[in-house]
Amino acid sequence: MPSPLHFVTLTGVPLAVSELKWPFHASTSGSDWLILHGRVDMLGSDEGLHADVAVSLTQTMKDALGSLAEEHAEGLVVNSIRKIVDNGQIALVKSGKMQPVHVTTRFYSFPAKKIQFPTQSDDDVRDLIKRRVFWLSGKLSKSQPVEIAHPYDCQYVNAAREKMLELAKQLAGQGLIKLEGDQAAASDWLMQQEPAMLAAMQKGVDAGKAATKVTA
């Protein structure tokens, strides 16, 4: 399983998904949901912004997936958390109560019999790649290369590995990333876009706080 679980959302928020307490267990509230507790931290936050989450899975999804083992379901959990951040349905705060992450059949294609997140435009995928390289290479690992076509990212944007690499080559051609194989490091030009990266991150964080009415 990939480690650490460091990713960036489509809205530009860099996250670390941690403390996933496998396996899923039956809800104690009497419902038929299956629950997995965890935590998500905003990478690079001096304030320690985070959210404690309760990932809940329907019985229908359990039956469709066949297995809820960590190695099979981890990507679905990570990407479901990312989607609720995208949708402004979770607040990253200094402290707060457990927040729900619902995993339902909207993330599953019954005709294809597989996990399927919404397909994103090429522009959105290019932005995701830029933000991934900016945060995970440029800001957090002193320009060490990061994987471009991570399996969880491919699932998140519903794009083939080959498509991710094709879009990465376009960014490399523009001088935004330094690409070697399936790894990329941040260029000086990309790091000069820090104000835009920070603005996108803050907009994503503020959307969650506003929608959930949770304050730090």
N, C-alpha and C. Protein backbone atom coordinates (compact mmCIF):
# COMPACT_ATOMS: atom_id res chain seq x y z
N MET A 1 0.84 -1.19 0.00
CA MET A 1 0.00 0.00 0.00
C MET A 1 0.87 1.24 0.00
N PRO A 2 0.54 2.26 -0.82
CA PRO A 2 1.35 3.45 -0.90
C PRO A 2 1.41 4.16 0.45
N SER A 3 2.59 4.68 0.79
CA SER A 3 2.77 5.40 2.04
C SER A 3 3.87 6.42 1.84
N PRO A 4 3.77 7.63 2.37
CA PRO A 4 2.63 8.11 3.14
C PRO A 4 1.44 8.46 2.24
N LEU A 5 0.27 8.63 2.84
CA LEU A 5 -0.93 8.95 2.09
C LEU A 5 -1.05 10.47 1.97
N HIS A 6 -0.20 11.05 1.12
CA HIS A 6 -0.19 12.48 0.87
C HIS A 6 -0.76 12.76 -0.51
N PHE A 7 -1.81 13.57 -0.58
CA PHE A 7 -2.47 13.86 -1.83
C PHE A 7 -2.95 15.31 -1.85
N VAL A 8 -3.36 15.78 -3.02
CA VAL A 8 -3.92 17.11 -3.19
C VAL A 8 -5.30 16.96 -3.79
N THR A 9 -6.24 17.77 -3.33
CA THR A 9 -7.59 17.71 -3.88
C THR A 9 -7.69 18.51 -5.17
N LEU A 10 -8.75 18.28 -5.91
CA LEU A 10 -8.97 19.05 -7.14
C LEU A 10 -9.12 20.54 -6.85
N THR A 11 -9.57 20.89 -5.64
CA THR A 11 -9.70 22.30 -5.27
C THR A 11 -8.40 22.89 -4.75
N GLY A 12 -7.34 22.06 -4.68
CA GLY A 12 -6.03 22.60 -4.34
C GLY A 12 -5.61 22.50 -2.90
N VAL A 13 -6.28 21.64 -2.11
CA VAL A 13 -5.93 21.50 -0.69
C VAL A 13 -5.01 20.29 -0.52
N PRO A 14 -3.79 20.48 0.00
CA PRO A 14 -2.88 19.35 0.23
C PRO A 14 -3.22 18.64 1.53
N LEU A 15 -3.35 17.32 1.47
CA LEU A 15 -3.84 16.56 2.61
C LEU A 15 -2.95 15.37 2.93
N ALA A 16 -2.93 15.02 4.21
CA ALA A 16 -2.36 13.76 4.67
C ALA A 16 -3.49 12.97 5.32
N VAL A 17 -3.79 11.80 4.79
CA VAL A 17 -4.82 10.94 5.36
C VAL A 17 -4.12 9.94 6.28
N SER A 18 -4.49 9.97 7.55
CA SER A 18 -3.76 9.16 8.53
C SER A 18 -4.72 8.53 9.54
N GLU A 19 -4.16 7.67 10.34
CA GLU A 19 -4.89 7.06 11.46
C GLU A 19 -6.17 6.36 11.01
N LEU A 20 -6.13 5.75 9.83
CA LEU A 20 -7.29 4.96 9.40
C LEU A 20 -7.32 3.68 10.21
N LYS A 21 -8.38 3.50 10.96
CA LYS A 21 -8.45 2.40 11.92
C LYS A 21 -9.18 1.20 11.31
N TRP A 22 -8.42 0.49 10.48
CA TRP A 22 -8.97 -0.68 9.81
C TRP A 22 -9.23 -1.79 10.83
N PRO A 23 -10.19 -2.66 10.56
CA PRO A 23 -11.07 -2.72 9.40
C PRO A 23 -12.35 -1.90 9.63
N PHE A 24 -13.21 -1.84 8.60
CA PHE A 24 -14.55 -1.29 8.78
C PHE A 24 -15.27 -2.11 9.85
N HIS A 25 -16.12 -1.44 10.63
CA HIS A 25 -16.90 -2.15 11.64
C HIS A 25 -18.35 -1.70 11.58
N ALA A 26 -19.23 -2.49 12.15
CA ALA A 26 -20.66 -2.17 12.13
C ALA A 26 -20.93 -0.91 12.94
N SER A 27 -21.85 -0.08 12.47
CA SER A 27 -22.22 1.12 13.19
C SER A 27 -22.82 0.76 14.54
N THR A 28 -22.49 1.54 15.56
CA THR A 28 -23.04 1.31 16.90
C THR A 28 -24.37 2.02 17.09
N SER A 29 -24.83 2.76 16.07
CA SER A 29 -26.08 3.51 16.18
C SER A 29 -27.30 2.67 15.81
N GLY A 30 -27.06 1.44 15.35
CA GLY A 30 -28.17 0.59 14.97
C GLY A 30 -28.47 0.63 13.49
N SER A 31 -27.77 1.49 12.72
CA SER A 31 -27.99 1.54 11.28
C SER A 31 -27.21 0.41 10.61
N ASP A 32 -27.42 0.25 9.31
CA ASP A 32 -26.72 -0.83 8.60
C ASP A 32 -25.45 -0.32 7.91
N TRP A 33 -24.98 0.86 8.29
CA TRP A 33 -23.75 1.40 7.73
C TRP A 33 -22.55 0.69 8.36
N LEU A 34 -21.46 0.64 7.61
CA LEU A 34 -20.18 0.17 8.11
C LEU A 34 -19.27 1.39 8.26
N ILE A 35 -18.50 1.44 9.35
CA ILE A 35 -17.78 2.64 9.72
C ILE A 35 -16.27 2.40 9.79
N LEU A 36 -15.51 3.41 9.36
CA LEU A 36 -14.05 3.41 9.50
C LEU A 36 -13.64 4.80 9.98
N HIS A 37 -12.99 4.87 11.13
CA HIS A 37 -12.55 6.15 11.67
C HIS A 37 -11.16 6.49 11.17
N GLY A 38 -10.89 7.78 11.04
CA GLY A 38 -9.58 8.24 10.60
C GLY A 38 -9.41 9.72 10.84
N ARG A 39 -8.35 10.24 10.27
CA ARG A 39 -8.03 11.66 10.44
C ARG A 39 -7.40 12.16 9.15
N VAL A 40 -7.69 13.42 8.81
CA VAL A 40 -7.08 14.06 7.67
C VAL A 40 -6.48 15.38 8.14
N ASP A 41 -5.21 15.59 7.80
CA ASP A 41 -4.49 16.82 8.18
C ASP A 41 -4.17 17.62 6.93
N MET A 42 -4.22 18.95 7.05
CA MET A 42 -3.81 19.79 5.95
C MET A 42 -2.29 19.91 5.98
N LEU A 43 -1.64 19.50 4.92
CA LEU A 43 -0.19 19.54 4.86
C LEU A 43 0.30 20.99 4.86
N GLY A 44 1.36 21.23 5.58
CA GLY A 44 1.96 22.55 5.61
C GLY A 44 1.22 23.57 6.46
N SER A 45 0.25 23.12 7.24
CA SER A 45 -0.53 24.04 8.07
C SER A 45 0.18 24.32 9.39
N ASP A 46 0.50 25.58 9.65
CA ASP A 46 1.11 25.95 10.93
C ASP A 46 0.09 25.91 12.06
N GLU A 47 -1.19 25.92 11.71
CA GLU A 47 -2.26 25.93 12.72
C GLU A 47 -2.71 24.52 13.11
N GLY A 48 -2.17 23.51 12.45
CA GLY A 48 -2.59 22.16 12.74
C GLY A 48 -4.02 21.87 12.30
N LEU A 49 -4.43 22.44 11.16
CA LEU A 49 -5.79 22.22 10.69
C LEU A 49 -5.99 20.76 10.29
N HIS A 50 -7.10 20.19 10.73
CA HIS A 50 -7.36 18.78 10.48
C HIS A 50 -8.85 18.50 10.63
N ALA A 51 -9.22 17.26 10.36
CA ALA A 51 -10.59 16.80 10.60
C ALA A 51 -10.55 15.34 11.00
N ASP A 52 -11.24 15.01 12.08
CA ASP A 52 -11.46 13.61 12.44
C ASP A 52 -12.68 13.15 11.67
N VAL A 53 -12.58 12.02 10.99
CA VAL A 53 -13.64 11.60 10.10
C VAL A 53 -14.16 10.21 10.43
N ALA A 54 -15.43 10.01 10.15
CA ALA A 54 -16.06 8.70 10.24
C ALA A 54 -16.53 8.35 8.83
N VAL A 55 -15.78 7.49 8.17
CA VAL A 55 -16.11 7.08 6.81
C VAL A 55 -17.18 5.99 6.89
N SER A 56 -18.33 6.26 6.30
CA SER A 56 -19.44 5.31 6.38
C SER A 56 -19.77 4.74 5.01
N LEU A 57 -19.95 3.44 4.97
CA LEU A 57 -20.14 2.70 3.73
C LEU A 57 -21.47 1.96 3.78
N THR A 58 -22.23 2.04 2.71
CA THR A 58 -23.51 1.36 2.67
C THR A 58 -23.33 -0.15 2.44
N GLN A 59 -24.34 -0.91 2.85
CA GLN A 59 -24.31 -2.35 2.60
C GLN A 59 -24.29 -2.64 1.11
N THR A 60 -24.97 -1.80 0.33
CA THR A 60 -24.98 -1.98 -1.12
C THR A 60 -23.58 -1.88 -1.68
N MET A 61 -22.81 -0.88 -1.18
CA MET A 61 -21.43 -0.73 -1.63
C MET A 61 -20.57 -1.91 -1.17
N LYS A 62 -20.79 -2.36 0.04
CA LYS A 62 -20.04 -3.52 0.54
C LYS A 62 -20.26 -4.72 -0.38
N ASP A 63 -21.50 -4.98 -0.71
CA ASP A 63 -21.82 -6.13 -1.58
C ASP A 63 -21.21 -5.95 -2.97
N ALA A 64 -21.22 -4.71 -3.48
CA ALA A 64 -20.70 -4.47 -4.81
C ALA A 64 -19.18 -4.63 -4.85
N LEU A 65 -18.50 -4.17 -3.81
CA LEU A 65 -17.04 -4.22 -3.78
C LEU A 65 -16.52 -5.63 -3.55
N GLY A 66 -17.26 -6.41 -2.78
CA GLY A 66 -16.84 -7.78 -2.50
C GLY A 66 -15.87 -7.89 -1.36
N SER A 67 -14.91 -6.96 -1.26
CA SER A 67 -13.93 -6.98 -0.18
C SER A 67 -13.73 -5.58 0.37
N LEU A 68 -13.68 -5.48 1.70
CA LEU A 68 -13.38 -4.21 2.36
C LEU A 68 -12.01 -4.26 3.02
N ALA A 69 -11.16 -5.17 2.56
CA ALA A 69 -9.81 -5.24 3.10
C ALA A 69 -9.06 -3.95 2.77
N GLU A 70 -8.13 -3.59 3.63
CA GLU A 70 -7.40 -2.34 3.47
C GLU A 70 -6.79 -2.19 2.09
N GLU A 71 -6.16 -3.24 1.60
CA GLU A 71 -5.48 -3.14 0.31
C GLU A 71 -6.44 -2.97 -0.85
N HIS A 72 -7.70 -3.30 -0.64
CA HIS A 72 -8.71 -3.18 -1.69
C HIS A 72 -9.49 -1.87 -1.59
N ALA A 73 -9.74 -1.39 -0.39
CA ALA A 73 -10.65 -0.26 -0.19
C ALA A 73 -9.95 1.05 0.16
N GLU A 74 -8.64 1.04 0.37
CA GLU A 74 -7.97 2.26 0.83
C GLU A 74 -8.11 3.41 -0.17
N GLY A 75 -7.95 3.13 -1.46
CA GLY A 75 -8.08 4.18 -2.46
C GLY A 75 -9.46 4.80 -2.45
N LEU A 76 -10.49 3.97 -2.33
CA LEU A 76 -11.87 4.47 -2.26
C LEU A 76 -12.05 5.39 -1.05
N VAL A 77 -11.49 5.00 0.09
CA VAL A 77 -11.60 5.82 1.30
C VAL A 77 -10.90 7.16 1.11
N VAL A 78 -9.66 7.12 0.64
CA VAL A 78 -8.88 8.35 0.43
C VAL A 78 -9.59 9.29 -0.54
N ASN A 79 -10.08 8.76 -1.65
CA ASN A 79 -10.70 9.60 -2.66
C ASN A 79 -12.08 10.10 -2.24
N SER A 80 -12.79 9.33 -1.43
CA SER A 80 -14.07 9.81 -0.90
C SER A 80 -13.84 11.00 0.03
N ILE A 81 -12.78 10.93 0.82
CA ILE A 81 -12.44 12.07 1.69
C ILE A 81 -12.08 13.28 0.83
N ARG A 82 -11.30 13.05 -0.21
CA ARG A 82 -10.95 14.17 -1.09
C ARG A 82 -12.18 14.80 -1.73
N LYS A 83 -13.14 13.96 -2.14
CA LYS A 83 -14.34 14.50 -2.78
C LYS A 83 -15.17 15.35 -1.84
N ILE A 84 -15.26 14.98 -0.56
CA ILE A 84 -16.06 15.82 0.33
C ILE A 84 -15.34 17.13 0.64
N VAL A 85 -14.01 17.12 0.58
CA VAL A 85 -13.27 18.38 0.68
C VAL A 85 -13.56 19.23 -0.55
N ASP A 86 -13.53 18.63 -1.73
CA ASP A 86 -13.87 19.34 -2.97
C ASP A 86 -15.25 19.97 -2.89
N ASN A 87 -16.19 19.25 -2.30
CA ASN A 87 -17.59 19.69 -2.25
C ASN A 87 -17.88 20.61 -1.08
N GLY A 88 -16.85 20.95 -0.29
CA GLY A 88 -17.06 21.84 0.85
C GLY A 88 -17.92 21.22 1.95
N GLN A 89 -17.83 19.89 2.10
CA GLN A 89 -18.68 19.20 3.06
C GLN A 89 -17.92 18.78 4.31
N ILE A 90 -16.70 19.26 4.47
CA ILE A 90 -15.92 18.93 5.66
C ILE A 90 -15.11 20.16 6.03
N ALA A 91 -14.94 20.39 7.33
CA ALA A 91 -14.19 21.55 7.80
C ALA A 91 -12.85 21.11 8.37
N LEU A 92 -11.78 21.74 7.89
CA LEU A 92 -10.46 21.52 8.44
C LEU A 92 -10.22 22.60 9.49
N VAL A 93 -10.15 22.18 10.75
CA VAL A 93 -10.10 23.12 11.87
C VAL A 93 -9.02 22.70 12.87
N LYS A 94 -8.80 23.54 13.88
CA LYS A 94 -7.80 23.21 14.91
C LYS A 94 -8.30 22.09 15.81
N SER A 95 -9.59 22.08 16.07
CA SER A 95 -10.20 21.01 16.86
C SER A 95 -11.67 20.96 16.48
N GLY A 96 -12.30 19.84 16.73
CA GLY A 96 -13.71 19.74 16.37
C GLY A 96 -14.21 18.33 16.50
N LYS A 97 -15.51 18.17 16.28
CA LYS A 97 -16.13 16.86 16.43
C LYS A 97 -15.88 16.00 15.19
N MET A 98 -16.18 14.71 15.33
CA MET A 98 -16.07 13.76 14.22
C MET A 98 -17.00 14.20 13.09
N GLN A 99 -16.50 14.15 11.85
CA GLN A 99 -17.30 14.57 10.70
C GLN A 99 -17.50 13.37 9.76
N PRO A 100 -18.70 13.29 9.16
CA PRO A 100 -19.02 12.12 8.34
C PRO A 100 -18.48 12.20 6.92
N VAL A 101 -18.09 11.05 6.39
CA VAL A 101 -17.73 10.89 4.98
C VAL A 101 -18.56 9.72 4.46
N HIS A 102 -19.54 10.00 3.63
CA HIS A 102 -20.43 8.95 3.15
C HIS A 102 -19.92 8.37 1.83
N VAL A 103 -19.72 7.07 1.81
CA VAL A 103 -19.30 6.36 0.60
C VAL A 103 -20.52 5.61 0.07
N THR A 104 -21.07 6.08 -1.02
CA THR A 104 -22.29 5.48 -1.56
C THR A 104 -22.07 5.04 -3.01
N THR A 105 -23.14 4.60 -3.64
CA THR A 105 -23.04 4.07 -5.00
C THR A 105 -22.74 5.15 -6.03
N ARG A 106 -22.72 6.42 -5.65
CA ARG A 106 -22.33 7.45 -6.62
C ARG A 106 -20.86 7.30 -7.01
N PHE A 107 -20.11 6.53 -6.23
CA PHE A 107 -18.70 6.28 -6.53
C PHE A 107 -18.50 4.87 -7.09
N TYR A 108 -19.55 4.29 -7.65
CA TYR A 108 -19.45 2.93 -8.17
C TYR A 108 -20.26 2.80 -9.45
N SER A 109 -19.66 2.15 -10.46
CA SER A 109 -20.36 1.89 -11.71
C SER A 109 -20.82 0.43 -11.71
N PHE A 110 -22.12 0.22 -11.63
CA PHE A 110 -22.64 -1.14 -11.66
C PHE A 110 -22.48 -1.79 -13.04
N PRO A 111 -22.67 -1.05 -14.15
CA PRO A 111 -22.43 -1.67 -15.46
C PRO A 111 -20.99 -2.15 -15.63
N ALA A 112 -20.03 -1.32 -15.16
CA ALA A 112 -18.62 -1.69 -15.30
C ALA A 112 -18.13 -2.54 -14.13
N LYS A 113 -18.93 -2.61 -13.06
CA LYS A 113 -18.60 -3.38 -11.86
C LYS A 113 -17.24 -2.94 -11.27
N LYS A 114 -17.11 -1.62 -11.09
CA LYS A 114 -15.87 -1.11 -10.51
C LYS A 114 -16.11 0.25 -9.86
N ILE A 115 -15.19 0.62 -8.97
CA ILE A 115 -15.21 1.95 -8.38
C ILE A 115 -14.99 2.96 -9.50
N GLN A 116 -15.82 4.01 -9.52
CA GLN A 116 -15.70 4.99 -10.59
C GLN A 116 -16.08 6.37 -10.09
N PHE A 117 -15.09 7.25 -10.01
CA PHE A 117 -15.33 8.64 -9.63
C PHE A 117 -15.59 9.46 -10.89
N PRO A 118 -16.16 10.67 -10.74
CA PRO A 118 -16.47 11.48 -11.93
C PRO A 118 -15.24 11.79 -12.77
N THR A 119 -15.41 11.76 -14.08
CA THR A 119 -14.33 12.10 -15.00
C THR A 119 -14.09 13.60 -14.98
N GLN A 120 -12.83 14.00 -14.91
CA GLN A 120 -12.48 15.42 -14.87
C GLN A 120 -11.94 15.87 -16.22
N SER A 121 -12.06 17.16 -16.48
CA SER A 121 -11.54 17.73 -17.73
C SER A 121 -10.02 17.70 -17.73
N ASP A 122 -9.43 17.81 -18.92
CA ASP A 122 -7.98 17.85 -19.03
C ASP A 122 -7.41 19.03 -18.24
N ASP A 123 -8.09 20.16 -18.29
CA ASP A 123 -7.60 21.34 -17.56
C ASP A 123 -7.57 21.06 -16.06
N ASP A 124 -8.61 20.42 -15.55
CA ASP A 124 -8.65 20.13 -14.11
C ASP A 124 -7.58 19.12 -13.72
N VAL A 125 -7.32 18.15 -14.59
CA VAL A 125 -6.29 17.15 -14.28
C VAL A 125 -4.91 17.80 -14.33
N ARG A 126 -4.68 18.67 -15.30
CA ARG A 126 -3.40 19.38 -15.35
C ARG A 126 -3.20 20.22 -14.08
N ASP A 127 -4.27 20.88 -13.62
CA ASP A 127 -4.17 21.66 -12.38
C ASP A 127 -3.84 20.76 -11.20
N LEU A 128 -4.47 19.59 -11.16
CA LEU A 128 -4.18 18.65 -10.07
C LEU A 128 -2.72 18.23 -10.09
N ILE A 129 -2.20 17.92 -11.26
CA ILE A 129 -0.79 17.51 -11.37
C ILE A 129 0.13 18.64 -10.93
N LYS A 130 -0.15 19.85 -11.38
CA LYS A 130 0.67 21.01 -10.98
C LYS A 130 0.65 21.17 -9.47
N ARG A 131 -0.54 21.09 -8.87
CA ARG A 131 -0.66 21.27 -7.42
C ARG A 131 0.01 20.13 -6.66
N ARG A 132 -0.10 18.93 -7.18
CA ARG A 132 0.57 17.79 -6.53
C ARG A 132 2.08 17.99 -6.51
N VAL A 133 2.62 18.39 -7.65
CA VAL A 133 4.07 18.58 -7.74
C VAL A 133 4.49 19.79 -6.89
N PHE A 134 3.71 20.85 -6.93
CA PHE A 134 4.04 22.05 -6.13
C PHE A 134 4.13 21.69 -4.66
N TRP A 135 3.08 21.04 -4.14
CA TRP A 135 3.02 20.78 -2.71
C TRP A 135 3.93 19.63 -2.28
N LEU A 136 3.82 18.50 -2.96
CA LEU A 136 4.51 17.31 -2.48
C LEU A 136 5.99 17.29 -2.87
N SER A 137 6.33 17.96 -3.96
CA SER A 137 7.74 18.04 -4.34
C SER A 137 8.34 19.37 -3.90
N GLY A 138 7.78 20.47 -4.39
CA GLY A 138 8.38 21.78 -4.14
C GLY A 138 8.35 22.25 -2.71
N LYS A 139 7.22 22.06 -2.02
CA LYS A 139 7.06 22.61 -0.67
C LYS A 139 7.42 21.64 0.44
N LEU A 140 7.15 20.37 0.25
CA LEU A 140 7.24 19.43 1.37
C LEU A 140 8.42 18.48 1.31
N SER A 141 9.09 18.36 0.17
CA SER A 141 10.19 17.40 0.10
C SER A 141 11.43 17.95 -0.60
N LYS A 142 11.58 19.28 -0.57
CA LYS A 142 12.79 19.92 -1.10
C LYS A 142 13.09 19.50 -2.54
N SER A 143 12.02 19.54 -3.34
CA SER A 143 12.10 19.27 -4.78
C SER A 143 12.44 17.82 -5.13
N GLN A 144 12.21 16.90 -4.21
CA GLN A 144 12.33 15.49 -4.55
C GLN A 144 11.18 15.11 -5.48
N PRO A 145 11.44 14.29 -6.50
CA PRO A 145 10.39 13.93 -7.45
C PRO A 145 9.25 13.17 -6.78
N VAL A 146 8.04 13.32 -7.32
CA VAL A 146 6.87 12.59 -6.84
C VAL A 146 6.22 11.87 -8.02
N GLU A 147 5.52 10.82 -7.71
CA GLU A 147 4.85 10.03 -8.74
C GLU A 147 3.71 10.84 -9.37
N ILE A 148 3.64 10.81 -10.68
CA ILE A 148 2.62 11.58 -11.40
C ILE A 148 1.32 10.81 -11.58
N ALA A 149 1.42 9.55 -11.99
CA ALA A 149 0.22 8.77 -12.27
C ALA A 149 -0.07 7.81 -11.13
N HIS A 150 -0.17 8.35 -9.92
CA HIS A 150 -0.46 7.51 -8.75
C HIS A 150 -1.81 6.81 -8.96
N PRO A 151 -1.93 5.54 -8.64
CA PRO A 151 -3.19 4.82 -8.87
C PRO A 151 -4.39 5.50 -8.22
N TYR A 152 -4.21 6.09 -7.03
CA TYR A 152 -5.33 6.75 -6.37
C TYR A 152 -5.73 8.02 -7.13
N ASP A 153 -4.75 8.75 -7.68
CA ASP A 153 -5.06 9.93 -8.47
C ASP A 153 -5.79 9.54 -9.76
N CYS A 154 -5.35 8.45 -10.40
CA CYS A 154 -6.02 7.99 -11.61
C CYS A 154 -7.49 7.66 -11.32
N GLN A 155 -7.73 6.99 -10.19
CA GLN A 155 -9.10 6.67 -9.79
C GLN A 155 -9.89 7.94 -9.48
N TYR A 156 -9.27 8.88 -8.80
CA TYR A 156 -9.90 10.13 -8.35
C TYR A 156 -10.44 10.95 -9.51
N VAL A 157 -9.69 11.02 -10.62
CA VAL A 157 -10.11 11.82 -11.76
C VAL A 157 -10.65 10.96 -12.90
N ASN A 158 -10.69 9.63 -12.68
CA ASN A 158 -11.17 8.67 -13.67
C ASN A 158 -10.41 8.81 -14.99
N ALA A 159 -9.09 8.72 -14.86
CA ALA A 159 -8.22 8.82 -16.04
C ALA A 159 -7.21 7.69 -16.04
N ALA A 160 -6.89 7.20 -17.21
CA ALA A 160 -5.89 6.15 -17.34
C ALA A 160 -4.51 6.71 -17.01
N ARG A 161 -3.63 5.82 -16.58
CA ARG A 161 -2.25 6.21 -16.28
C ARG A 161 -1.61 6.90 -17.49
N GLU A 162 -1.84 6.36 -18.67
CA GLU A 162 -1.26 6.93 -19.88
C GLU A 162 -1.74 8.37 -20.11
N LYS A 163 -2.99 8.64 -19.78
CA LYS A 163 -3.53 10.00 -19.93
C LYS A 163 -2.87 10.95 -18.95
N MET A 164 -2.66 10.51 -17.72
CA MET A 164 -2.00 11.35 -16.72
C MET A 164 -0.59 11.70 -17.18
N LEU A 165 0.12 10.73 -17.71
CA LEU A 165 1.49 10.97 -18.16
C LEU A 165 1.52 11.88 -19.38
N GLU A 166 0.53 11.73 -20.26
CA GLU A 166 0.45 12.62 -21.43
C GLU A 166 0.27 14.07 -21.00
N LEU A 167 -0.61 14.31 -20.02
CA LEU A 167 -0.85 15.66 -19.54
C LEU A 167 0.36 16.20 -18.79
N ALA A 168 1.05 15.32 -18.09
CA ALA A 168 2.27 15.73 -17.40
C ALA A 168 3.34 16.17 -18.41
N LYS A 169 3.44 15.46 -19.53
CA LYS A 169 4.41 15.84 -20.56
C LYS A 169 4.10 17.23 -21.12
N GLN A 170 2.80 17.56 -21.21
CA GLN A 170 2.43 18.90 -21.67
C GLN A 170 2.92 19.97 -20.69
N LEU A 171 2.76 19.69 -19.40
CA LEU A 171 3.23 20.64 -18.38
C LEU A 171 4.75 20.76 -18.40
N ALA A 172 5.42 19.64 -18.63
CA ALA A 172 6.88 19.66 -18.73
C ALA A 172 7.32 20.50 -19.93
N GLY A 173 6.57 20.37 -21.03
CA GLY A 173 6.88 21.14 -22.22
C GLY A 173 6.73 22.63 -22.01
N GLN A 174 5.88 23.01 -21.06
CA GLN A 174 5.69 24.42 -20.70
C GLN A 174 6.68 24.90 -19.65
N GLY A 175 7.54 23.98 -19.18
CA GLY A 175 8.54 24.35 -18.19
C GLY A 175 8.02 24.41 -16.76
N LEU A 176 6.82 23.87 -16.52
CA LEU A 176 6.23 23.95 -15.18
C LEU A 176 6.72 22.84 -14.25
N ILE A 177 7.00 21.67 -14.82
CA ILE A 177 7.51 20.56 -14.02
C ILE A 177 8.71 19.94 -14.72
N LYS A 178 9.54 19.27 -13.94
CA LYS A 178 10.69 18.54 -14.48
C LYS A 178 10.33 17.07 -14.45
N LEU A 179 10.08 16.52 -15.62
CA LEU A 179 9.55 15.17 -15.73
C LEU A 179 10.64 14.19 -16.14
N GLU A 180 10.68 13.08 -15.43
CA GLU A 180 11.57 11.98 -15.80
C GLU A 180 10.82 10.68 -15.57
N GLY A 181 10.42 10.05 -16.66
CA GLY A 181 9.60 8.85 -16.54
C GLY A 181 8.24 9.20 -15.96
N ASP A 182 7.87 8.53 -14.86
CA ASP A 182 6.59 8.82 -14.22
C ASP A 182 6.78 9.63 -12.94
N GLN A 183 7.94 10.28 -12.81
CA GLN A 183 8.24 11.10 -11.64
C GLN A 183 8.44 12.55 -12.08
N ALA A 184 8.05 13.49 -11.22
CA ALA A 184 8.22 14.90 -11.57
C ALA A 184 8.62 15.71 -10.35
N ALA A 185 9.44 16.71 -10.60
CA ALA A 185 9.84 17.65 -9.56
C ALA A 185 9.39 19.05 -9.97
N ALA A 186 9.29 19.94 -9.00
CA ALA A 186 8.83 21.29 -9.28
C ALA A 186 9.93 22.12 -9.94
N SER A 187 9.53 22.92 -10.92
CA SER A 187 10.46 23.85 -11.55
C SER A 187 10.41 25.19 -10.80
N ASP A 188 11.38 26.04 -11.06
CA ASP A 188 11.37 27.37 -10.45
C ASP A 188 10.13 28.14 -10.88
N TRP A 189 9.72 27.94 -12.12
CA TRP A 189 8.55 28.65 -12.63
C TRP A 189 7.30 28.20 -11.87
N LEU A 190 7.18 26.91 -11.61
CA LEU A 190 6.03 26.44 -10.85
C LEU A 190 6.03 27.03 -9.45
N MET A 191 7.18 27.10 -8.81
CA MET A 191 7.25 27.63 -7.45
C MET A 191 6.91 29.12 -7.40
N GLN A 192 7.07 29.80 -8.52
CA GLN A 192 6.69 31.21 -8.58
C GLN A 192 5.17 31.39 -8.56
N GLN A 193 4.44 30.29 -8.75
CA GLN A 193 2.98 30.36 -8.71
C GLN A 193 2.43 30.14 -7.29
N GLU A 194 3.29 30.25 -6.31
CA GLU A 194 2.88 30.01 -4.92
C GLU A 194 1.66 30.84 -4.50
N PRO A 195 1.57 32.14 -4.83
CA PRO A 195 0.36 32.89 -4.43
C PRO A 195 -0.93 32.25 -4.92
N ALA A 196 -0.94 31.78 -6.17
CA ALA A 196 -2.14 31.14 -6.71
C ALA A 196 -2.42 29.82 -6.02
N MET A 197 -1.37 29.07 -5.70
CA MET A 197 -1.54 27.79 -5.00
C MET A 197 -2.11 28.01 -3.60
N LEU A 198 -1.59 29.00 -2.90
CA LEU A 198 -2.07 29.30 -1.55
C LEU A 198 -3.50 29.81 -1.58
N ALA A 199 -3.83 30.60 -2.61
CA ALA A 199 -5.20 31.12 -2.73
C ALA A 199 -6.19 30.00 -2.97
N ALA A 200 -5.84 29.04 -3.82
CA ALA A 200 -6.72 27.90 -4.08
C ALA A 200 -6.91 27.08 -2.82
N MET A 201 -5.81 26.83 -2.11
CA MET A 201 -5.89 26.07 -0.87
C MET A 201 -6.81 26.75 0.13
N GLN A 202 -6.64 28.05 0.32
CA GLN A 202 -7.45 28.77 1.30
C GLN A 202 -8.92 28.79 0.91
N LYS A 203 -9.19 28.92 -0.39
CA LYS A 203 -10.58 28.89 -0.86
C LYS A 203 -11.23 27.55 -0.55
N GLY A 204 -10.47 26.47 -0.74
CA GLY A 204 -11.00 25.15 -0.44
C GLY A 204 -11.27 24.95 1.03
N VAL A 205 -10.36 25.44 1.88
CA VAL A 205 -10.54 25.34 3.33
C VAL A 205 -11.72 26.17 3.79
N ASP A 206 -11.82 27.40 3.28
CA ASP A 206 -12.91 28.30 3.69
C ASP A 206 -14.28 27.76 3.27
N ALA A 207 -14.34 27.10 2.10
CA ALA A 207 -15.61 26.55 1.64
C ALA A 207 -16.12 25.50 2.61
N GLY A 208 -15.23 24.66 3.13
CA GLY A 208 -15.65 23.64 4.08
C GLY A 208 -16.12 24.24 5.40
N LYS A 209 -15.42 25.25 5.89
CA LYS A 209 -15.81 25.89 7.14
C LYS A 209 -17.17 26.57 7.02
N ALA A 210 -17.38 27.24 5.87
CA ALA A 210 -18.64 27.95 5.66
C ALA A 210 -19.81 26.98 5.55
N ALA A 211 -19.62 25.92 4.78
CA ALA A 211 -20.72 24.98 4.54
C ALA A 211 -21.10 24.21 5.79
N THR A 212 -20.11 23.86 6.62
CA THR A 212 -20.39 23.08 7.80
C THR A 212 -20.58 23.92 9.05
N LYS A 213 -20.32 25.24 8.90
CA LYS A 213 -20.47 26.17 10.03
C LYS A 213 -19.67 25.74 11.23
N VAL A 214 -18.43 25.25 10.96
CA VAL A 214 -17.51 24.87 12.02
C VAL A 214 -16.40 25.90 12.06
N THR A 215 -16.06 26.37 13.22
CA THR A 215 -15.02 27.36 13.37
C THR A 215 -13.81 26.75 14.08
N ALA A 216 -12.66 27.32 13.78
CA ALA A 216 -11.45 26.84 14.43
C ALA A 216 -11.38 27.33 15.85
